[in-house]
All heavy atoms as atom14 arrays in JSON, in Angstrom:
{
  "sequence": "VHDECNGSDVFGSDICTCRPYLIQGIEESIKEAQKGGA",
  "atom14_mask": [
    [1, 1, 1, 1, 1, 1, 1, 0, 0, 0, 0, 0, 0, 0],
    [1, 1, 1, 1, 1, 1, 1, 1, 1, 1, 0, 0, 0, 0],
    [1, 1, 1, 1, 1, 1, 1, 1, 0, 0, 0, 0, 0, 0],
    [1, 1, 1, 1, 1, 1, 1, 1, 1, 0, 0, 0, 0, 0],
    [1, 1, 1, 1, 1, 1, 0, 0, 0, 0, 0, 0, 0, 0],
    [1, 1, 1, 1, 1, 1, 1, 1, 0, 0, 0, 0, 0, 0],
    [1, 1, 1, 1, 0, 0, 0, 0, 0, 0, 0, 0, 0, 0],
    [1, 1, 1, 1, 1, 1, 0, 0, 0, 0, 0, 0, 0, 0],
    [1, 1, 1, 1, 1, 1, 1, 1, 0, 0, 0, 0, 0, 0],
    [1, 1, 1, 1, 1, 1, 1, 0, 0, 0, 0, 0, 0, 0],
    [1, 1, 1, 1, 1, 1, 1, 1, 1, 1, 1, 0, 0, 0],
    [1, 1, 1, 1, 0, 0, 0, 0, 0, 0, 0, 0, 0, 0],
    [1, 1, 1, 1, 1, 1, 0, 0, 0, 0, 0, 0, 0, 0],
    [1, 1, 1, 1, 1, 1, 1, 1, 0, 0, 0, 0, 0, 0],
    [1, 1, 1, 1, 1, 1, 1, 1, 0, 0, 0, 0, 0, 0],
    [1, 1, 1, 1, 1, 1, 0, 0, 0, 0, 0, 0, 0, 0],
    [1, 1, 1, 1, 1, 1, 1, 0, 0, 0, 0, 0, 0, 0],
    [1, 1, 1, 1, 1, 1, 0, 0, 0, 0, 0, 0, 0, 0],
    [1, 1, 1, 1, 1, 1, 1, 1, 1, 1, 1, 0, 0, 0],
    [1, 1, 1, 1, 1, 1, 1, 0, 0, 0, 0, 0, 0, 0],
    [1, 1, 1, 1, 1, 1, 1, 1, 1, 1, 1, 1, 0, 0],
    [1, 1, 1, 1, 1, 1, 1, 1, 0, 0, 0, 0, 0, 0],
    [1, 1, 1, 1, 1, 1, 1, 1, 0, 0, 0, 0, 0, 0],
    [1, 1, 1, 1, 1, 1, 1, 1, 1, 0, 0, 0, 0, 0],
    [1, 1, 1, 1, 0, 0, 0, 0, 0, 0, 0, 0, 0, 0],
    [1, 1, 1, 1, 1, 1, 1, 1, 0, 0, 0, 0, 0, 0],
    [1, 1, 1, 1, 1, 1, 1, 1, 1, 0, 0, 0, 0, 0],
    [1, 1, 1, 1, 1, 1, 1, 1, 1, 0, 0, 0, 0, 0],
    [1, 1, 1, 1, 1, 1, 0, 0, 0, 0, 0, 0, 0, 0],
    [1, 1, 1, 1, 1, 1, 1, 1, 0, 0, 0, 0, 0, 0],
    [1, 1, 1, 1, 1, 1, 1, 1, 1, 0, 0, 0, 0, 0],
    [1, 1, 1, 1, 1, 1, 1, 1, 1, 0, 0, 0, 0, 0],
    [1, 1, 1, 1, 1, 0, 0, 0, 0, 0, 0, 0, 0, 0],
    [1, 1, 1, 1, 1, 1, 1, 1, 1, 0, 0, 0, 0, 0],
    [1, 1, 1, 1, 1, 1, 1, 1, 1, 0, 0, 0, 0, 0],
    [1, 1, 1, 1, 0, 0, 0, 0, 0, 0, 0, 0, 0, 0],
    [1, 1, 1, 1, 0, 0, 0, 0, 0, 0, 0, 0, 0, 0],
    [1, 1, 1, 1, 1, 0, 0, 0, 0, 0, 0, 0, 0, 0]
  ],
  "atom14_positions": [
    [[80.33, 13.59, 49.25], [79.15, 13.29, 48.43], [78.05, 12.88, 49.39], [78.16, 11.86, 50.08], [79.45, 12.17, 47.42], [78.17, 11.81, 46.66], [80.53, 12.61, 46.44], [0.0, 0.0, 0.0], [0.0, 0.0, 0.0], [0.0, 0.0, 0.0], [0.0, 0.0, 0.0], [0.0, 0.0, 0.0], [0.0, 0.0, 0.0], [0.0, 0.0, 0.0]],
    [[76.98, 13.67, 49.45], [75.96, 13.52, 50.48], [74.6, 13.29, 49.83], [74.21, 14.01, 48.92], [75.91, 14.79, 51.33], [75.08, 14.68, 52.57], [75.6, 14.26, 53.77], [73.76, 14.92, 52.79], [74.64, 14.27, 54.69], [73.52, 14.66, 54.11], [0.0, 0.0, 0.0], [0.0, 0.0, 0.0], [0.0, 0.0, 0.0], [0.0, 0.0, 0.0]],
    [[73.89, 12.29, 50.31], [72.55, 12.0, 49.82], [71.52, 12.55, 50.8], [71.63, 12.35, 52.02], [72.35, 10.5, 49.62], [73.24, 9.95, 48.51], [73.5, 10.7, 47.55], [73.67, 8.79, 48.6], [0.0, 0.0, 0.0], [0.0, 0.0, 0.0], [0.0, 0.0, 0.0], [0.0, 0.0, 0.0], [0.0, 0.0, 0.0], [0.0, 0.0, 0.0]],
    [[70.54, 13.21, 50.27], [69.54, 13.96, 51.04], [68.95, 13.16, 52.2], [68.6, 11.99, 52.06], [68.42, 14.39, 50.1], [67.29, 15.15, 50.77], [66.17, 15.48, 49.81], [65.99, 14.74, 48.82], [65.48, 16.48, 50.04], [0.0, 0.0, 0.0], [0.0, 0.0, 0.0], [0.0, 0.0, 0.0], [0.0, 0.0, 0.0], [0.0, 0.0, 0.0]],
    [[68.83, 13.84, 53.35], [68.13, 13.28, 54.51], [67.44, 14.45, 55.2], [68.04, 15.13, 56.04], [69.1, 12.57, 55.46], [68.29, 11.98, 56.97], [0.0, 0.0, 0.0], [0.0, 0.0, 0.0], [0.0, 0.0, 0.0], [0.0, 0.0, 0.0], [0.0, 0.0, 0.0], [0.0, 0.0, 0.0], [0.0, 0.0, 0.0], [0.0, 0.0, 0.0]],
    [[66.2, 14.71, 54.84], [65.49, 15.87, 55.33], [65.41, 15.9, 56.85], [65.63, 16.93, 57.49], [64.08, 15.91, 54.73], [63.29, 17.12, 55.15], [63.65, 18.24, 54.84], [62.2, 16.89, 55.87], [0.0, 0.0, 0.0], [0.0, 0.0, 0.0], [0.0, 0.0, 0.0], [0.0, 0.0, 0.0], [0.0, 0.0, 0.0], [0.0, 0.0, 0.0]],
    [[65.11, 14.76, 57.45], [64.94, 14.71, 58.9], [66.17, 15.15, 59.66], [66.08, 15.91, 60.63], [0.0, 0.0, 0.0], [0.0, 0.0, 0.0], [0.0, 0.0, 0.0], [0.0, 0.0, 0.0], [0.0, 0.0, 0.0], [0.0, 0.0, 0.0], [0.0, 0.0, 0.0], [0.0, 0.0, 0.0], [0.0, 0.0, 0.0], [0.0, 0.0, 0.0]],
    [[67.34, 14.7, 59.24], [68.58, 15.06, 59.93], [69.18, 16.36, 59.38], [69.5, 17.26, 60.13], [69.6, 13.93, 59.78], [70.83, 14.27, 60.39], [0.0, 0.0, 0.0], [0.0, 0.0, 0.0], [0.0, 0.0, 0.0], [0.0, 0.0, 0.0], [0.0, 0.0, 0.0], [0.0, 0.0, 0.0], [0.0, 0.0, 0.0], [0.0, 0.0, 0.0]],
    [[69.3, 16.46, 58.04], [69.96, 17.62, 57.44], [69.29, 18.93, 57.81], [69.96, 19.93, 58.08], [69.97, 17.49, 55.91], [70.78, 16.32, 55.42], [71.59, 15.78, 56.19], [70.61, 15.94, 54.23], [0.0, 0.0, 0.0], [0.0, 0.0, 0.0], [0.0, 0.0, 0.0], [0.0, 0.0, 0.0], [0.0, 0.0, 0.0], [0.0, 0.0, 0.0]],
    [[67.97, 18.93, 57.82], [67.21, 20.17, 58.05], [66.75, 20.29, 59.5], [66.9, 21.35, 60.12], [65.99, 20.25, 57.1], [65.19, 21.52, 57.37], [66.44, 20.19, 55.65], [0.0, 0.0, 0.0], [0.0, 0.0, 0.0], [0.0, 0.0, 0.0], [0.0, 0.0, 0.0], [0.0, 0.0, 0.0], [0.0, 0.0, 0.0], [0.0, 0.0, 0.0]],
    [[66.21, 19.19, 60.06], [65.57, 19.28, 61.36], [66.39, 18.69, 62.51], [65.98, 18.77, 63.67], [64.19, 18.6, 61.31], [63.21, 19.33, 60.43], [62.97, 18.91, 59.13], [62.54, 20.45, 60.9], [62.08, 19.59, 58.31], [61.65, 21.13, 60.09], [61.42, 20.7, 58.79], [0.0, 0.0, 0.0], [0.0, 0.0, 0.0], [0.0, 0.0, 0.0]],
    [[67.53, 18.09, 62.22], [68.41, 17.62, 63.28], [67.99, 16.34, 63.95], [68.41, 16.07, 65.08], [0.0, 0.0, 0.0], [0.0, 0.0, 0.0], [0.0, 0.0, 0.0], [0.0, 0.0, 0.0], [0.0, 0.0, 0.0], [0.0, 0.0, 0.0], [0.0, 0.0, 0.0], [0.0, 0.0, 0.0], [0.0, 0.0, 0.0], [0.0, 0.0, 0.0]],
    [[67.17, 15.51, 63.31], [66.8, 14.22, 63.9], [68.05, 13.42, 64.23], [68.99, 13.36, 63.43], [65.92, 13.45, 62.9], [65.67, 12.13, 63.36], [0.0, 0.0, 0.0], [0.0, 0.0, 0.0], [0.0, 0.0, 0.0], [0.0, 0.0, 0.0], [0.0, 0.0, 0.0], [0.0, 0.0, 0.0], [0.0, 0.0, 0.0], [0.0, 0.0, 0.0]],
    [[68.07, 12.78, 65.4], [69.3, 12.12, 65.87], [69.33, 10.63, 65.6], [70.17, 9.92, 66.16], [69.51, 12.4, 67.36], [68.55, 11.6, 68.26], [67.53, 11.1, 67.76], [68.85, 11.5, 69.47], [0.0, 0.0, 0.0], [0.0, 0.0, 0.0], [0.0, 0.0, 0.0], [0.0, 0.0, 0.0], [0.0, 0.0, 0.0], [0.0, 0.0, 0.0]],
    [[68.45, 10.1, 64.75], [68.44, 8.67, 64.47], [69.51, 8.28, 63.45], [69.78, 7.11, 63.23], [67.05, 8.21, 63.99], [66.9, 6.68, 64.12], [66.8, 8.67, 62.55], [65.5, 6.18, 63.85], [0.0, 0.0, 0.0], [0.0, 0.0, 0.0], [0.0, 0.0, 0.0], [0.0, 0.0, 0.0], [0.0, 0.0, 0.0], [0.0, 0.0, 0.0]],
    [[70.13, 9.28, 62.82], [71.17, 8.99, 61.84], [72.28, 10.04, 61.94], [72.16, 11.03, 62.66], [70.6, 8.94, 60.42], [69.89, 10.5, 59.88], [0.0, 0.0, 0.0], [0.0, 0.0, 0.0], [0.0, 0.0, 0.0], [0.0, 0.0, 0.0], [0.0, 0.0, 0.0], [0.0, 0.0, 0.0], [0.0, 0.0, 0.0], [0.0, 0.0, 0.0]],
    [[73.33, 9.83, 61.19], [74.51, 10.71, 61.25], [74.57, 11.69, 60.09], [75.6, 12.32, 59.87], [75.79, 9.86, 61.23], [75.81, 9.08, 60.02], [75.88, 8.95, 62.43], [0.0, 0.0, 0.0], [0.0, 0.0, 0.0], [0.0, 0.0, 0.0], [0.0, 0.0, 0.0], [0.0, 0.0, 0.0], [0.0, 0.0, 0.0], [0.0, 0.0, 0.0]],
    [[73.48, 11.85, 59.35], [73.54, 12.61, 58.1], [73.99, 14.06, 58.3], [74.94, 14.51, 57.65], [72.2, 12.54, 57.4], [71.78, 10.87, 56.84], [0.0, 0.0, 0.0], [0.0, 0.0, 0.0], [0.0, 0.0, 0.0], [0.0, 0.0, 0.0], [0.0, 0.0, 0.0], [0.0, 0.0, 0.0], [0.0, 0.0, 0.0], [0.0, 0.0, 0.0]],
    [[73.32, 14.81, 59.19], [73.73, 16.2, 59.36], [75.13, 16.32, 59.95], [75.95, 17.11, 59.45], [72.72, 16.97, 60.21], [73.1, 18.47, 60.34], [72.09, 19.27, 61.14], [72.54, 20.64, 61.33], [72.24, 21.67, 60.54], [71.48, 21.47, 59.47], [72.69, 22.88, 60.79], [0.0, 0.0, 0.0], [0.0, 0.0, 0.0], [0.0, 0.0, 0.0]],
    [[75.49, 15.56, 61.0], [76.86, 15.68, 61.5], [77.92, 15.38, 60.43], [78.94, 16.06, 60.36], [76.9, 14.64, 62.63], [75.5, 14.52, 63.09], [74.67, 14.69, 61.85], [0.0, 0.0, 0.0], [0.0, 0.0, 0.0], [0.0, 0.0, 0.0], [0.0, 0.0, 0.0], [0.0, 0.0, 0.0], [0.0, 0.0, 0.0], [0.0, 0.0, 0.0]],
    [[77.65, 14.37, 59.6], [78.62, 14.04, 58.55], [78.65, 15.14, 57.49], [79.72, 15.45, 56.93], [78.26, 12.7, 57.91], [79.45, 11.8, 57.64], [79.27, 10.44, 57.42], [80.76, 12.28, 57.6], [80.34, 9.59, 57.18], [81.83, 11.46, 57.36], [81.62, 10.11, 57.15], [82.69, 9.29, 56.91], [0.0, 0.0, 0.0], [0.0, 0.0, 0.0]],
    [[77.49, 15.73, 57.19], [77.44, 16.85, 56.26], [78.26, 18.03, 56.79], [79.05, 18.64, 56.05], [75.99, 17.27, 56.02], [75.76, 18.49, 55.13], [76.31, 18.27, 53.73], [74.26, 18.83, 55.07], [0.0, 0.0, 0.0], [0.0, 0.0, 0.0], [0.0, 0.0, 0.0], [0.0, 0.0, 0.0], [0.0, 0.0, 0.0], [0.0, 0.0, 0.0]],
    [[78.08, 18.34, 58.06], [78.84, 19.43, 58.67], [80.34, 19.14, 58.65], [81.16, 20.02, 58.36], [78.37, 19.69, 60.12], [76.9, 20.12, 60.15], [79.25, 20.73, 60.8], [76.62, 21.41, 59.42], [0.0, 0.0, 0.0], [0.0, 0.0, 0.0], [0.0, 0.0, 0.0], [0.0, 0.0, 0.0], [0.0, 0.0, 0.0], [0.0, 0.0, 0.0]],
    [[80.71, 17.89, 58.94], [82.12, 17.53, 58.87], [82.65, 17.73, 57.45], [83.77, 18.24, 57.26], [82.34, 16.08, 59.31], [83.83, 15.71, 59.35], [84.07, 14.21, 59.41], [83.15, 13.42, 59.24], [85.31, 13.82, 59.64], [0.0, 0.0, 0.0], [0.0, 0.0, 0.0], [0.0, 0.0, 0.0], [0.0, 0.0, 0.0], [0.0, 0.0, 0.0]],
    [[81.87, 17.34, 56.46], [82.28, 17.53, 55.08], [82.49, 18.99, 54.74], [83.43, 19.36, 54.03], [0.0, 0.0, 0.0], [0.0, 0.0, 0.0], [0.0, 0.0, 0.0], [0.0, 0.0, 0.0], [0.0, 0.0, 0.0], [0.0, 0.0, 0.0], [0.0, 0.0, 0.0], [0.0, 0.0, 0.0], [0.0, 0.0, 0.0], [0.0, 0.0, 0.0]],
    [[81.61, 19.85, 55.27], [81.76, 21.29, 55.03], [83.01, 21.82, 55.72], [83.79, 22.59, 55.14], [80.5, 22.03, 55.51], [79.3, 21.66, 54.63], [80.73, 23.54, 55.5], [77.98, 22.19, 55.13], [0.0, 0.0, 0.0], [0.0, 0.0, 0.0], [0.0, 0.0, 0.0], [0.0, 0.0, 0.0], [0.0, 0.0, 0.0], [0.0, 0.0, 0.0]],
    [[83.23, 21.41, 56.97], [84.42, 21.86, 57.7], [85.69, 21.45, 56.98], [86.62, 22.27, 56.8], [84.42, 21.3, 59.12], [83.52, 22.04, 60.09], [83.86, 21.71, 61.54], [85.07, 21.53, 61.85], [82.93, 21.63, 62.36], [0.0, 0.0, 0.0], [0.0, 0.0, 0.0], [0.0, 0.0, 0.0], [0.0, 0.0, 0.0], [0.0, 0.0, 0.0]],
    [[85.77, 20.19, 56.58], [86.98, 19.71, 55.9], [87.16, 20.42, 54.56], [88.3, 20.68, 54.14], [86.9, 18.2, 55.71], [86.91, 17.4, 57.01], [88.19, 17.61, 57.82], [89.26, 17.81, 57.21], [88.11, 17.56, 59.06], [0.0, 0.0, 0.0], [0.0, 0.0, 0.0], [0.0, 0.0, 0.0], [0.0, 0.0, 0.0], [0.0, 0.0, 0.0]],
    [[86.07, 20.73, 53.89], [86.14, 21.45, 52.62], [86.7, 22.85, 52.82], [87.52, 23.34, 52.03], [84.75, 21.52, 51.97], [84.31, 20.24, 51.57], [0.0, 0.0, 0.0], [0.0, 0.0, 0.0], [0.0, 0.0, 0.0], [0.0, 0.0, 0.0], [0.0, 0.0, 0.0], [0.0, 0.0, 0.0], [0.0, 0.0, 0.0], [0.0, 0.0, 0.0]],
    [[86.24, 23.51, 53.89], [86.75, 24.85, 54.19], [88.24, 24.81, 54.49], [89.03, 25.63, 53.97], [85.97, 25.45, 55.38], [84.51, 25.72, 55.0], [86.63, 26.75, 55.87], [83.62, 26.05, 56.18], [0.0, 0.0, 0.0], [0.0, 0.0, 0.0], [0.0, 0.0, 0.0], [0.0, 0.0, 0.0], [0.0, 0.0, 0.0], [0.0, 0.0, 0.0]],
    [[88.66, 23.86, 55.3], [90.08, 23.75, 55.67], [90.95, 23.52, 54.44], [92.03, 24.11, 54.3], [90.28, 22.63, 56.68], [89.68, 22.88, 58.04], [89.8, 21.65, 58.93], [89.12, 21.84, 60.27], [89.16, 20.6, 61.1], [0.0, 0.0, 0.0], [0.0, 0.0, 0.0], [0.0, 0.0, 0.0], [0.0, 0.0, 0.0], [0.0, 0.0, 0.0]],
    [[90.48, 22.66, 53.53], [91.27, 22.37, 52.33], [91.37, 23.61, 51.45], [92.44, 23.89, 50.87], [90.63, 21.21, 51.56], [91.6, 20.4, 50.73], [92.6, 19.64, 51.59], [92.21, 19.1, 52.65], [93.79, 19.6, 51.2], [0.0, 0.0, 0.0], [0.0, 0.0, 0.0], [0.0, 0.0, 0.0], [0.0, 0.0, 0.0], [0.0, 0.0, 0.0]],
    [[90.28, 24.36, 51.35], [90.3, 25.58, 50.55], [91.24, 26.62, 51.15], [91.95, 27.33, 50.43], [88.88, 26.14, 50.43], [0.0, 0.0, 0.0], [0.0, 0.0, 0.0], [0.0, 0.0, 0.0], [0.0, 0.0, 0.0], [0.0, 0.0, 0.0], [0.0, 0.0, 0.0], [0.0, 0.0, 0.0], [0.0, 0.0, 0.0], [0.0, 0.0, 0.0]],
    [[91.25, 26.71, 52.47], [92.12, 27.68, 53.13], [93.6, 27.33, 52.99], [94.46, 28.19, 53.14], [91.75, 27.8, 54.61], [90.41, 28.5, 54.84], [90.03, 28.58, 56.31], [90.33, 27.67, 57.09], [89.36, 29.65, 56.69], [0.0, 0.0, 0.0], [0.0, 0.0, 0.0], [0.0, 0.0, 0.0], [0.0, 0.0, 0.0], [0.0, 0.0, 0.0]],
    [[93.89, 26.06, 52.66], [95.27, 25.64, 52.44], [95.7, 25.83, 50.98], [96.81, 25.45, 50.61], [95.45, 24.17, 52.84], [95.33, 23.93, 54.34], [95.72, 22.52, 54.74], [94.75, 21.49, 54.2], [95.07, 20.12, 54.69], [0.0, 0.0, 0.0], [0.0, 0.0, 0.0], [0.0, 0.0, 0.0], [0.0, 0.0, 0.0], [0.0, 0.0, 0.0]],
    [[94.81, 26.38, 50.17], [95.14, 26.62, 48.77], [94.53, 25.64, 47.8], [94.7, 25.76, 46.58], [0.0, 0.0, 0.0], [0.0, 0.0, 0.0], [0.0, 0.0, 0.0], [0.0, 0.0, 0.0], [0.0, 0.0, 0.0], [0.0, 0.0, 0.0], [0.0, 0.0, 0.0], [0.0, 0.0, 0.0], [0.0, 0.0, 0.0], [0.0, 0.0, 0.0]],
    [[93.83, 24.64, 48.33], [93.14, 23.68, 47.47], [91.69, 24.09, 47.28], [91.38, 25.27, 47.12], [0.0, 0.0, 0.0], [0.0, 0.0, 0.0], [0.0, 0.0, 0.0], [0.0, 0.0, 0.0], [0.0, 0.0, 0.0], [0.0, 0.0, 0.0], [0.0, 0.0, 0.0], [0.0, 0.0, 0.0], [0.0, 0.0, 0.0], [0.0, 0.0, 0.0]],
    [[90.82, 23.11, 47.32], [89.39, 23.39, 47.19], [88.61, 22.36, 47.97], [89.1, 21.28, 48.31], [88.96, 23.37, 45.71], [0.0, 0.0, 0.0], [0.0, 0.0, 0.0], [0.0, 0.0, 0.0], [0.0, 0.0, 0.0], [0.0, 0.0, 0.0], [0.0, 0.0, 0.0], [0.0, 0.0, 0.0], [0.0, 0.0, 0.0], [0.0, 0.0, 0.0]]
  ]
}
């Protein structure tokens, strides 16, 4: 569950962890789906 952060999510600002955590969430979601879940 991710709350919008334009600076990091879109432009990669490094003052927060928003985009890296979003990417991690996407990666973990993909892995779970590939195991038969979602």
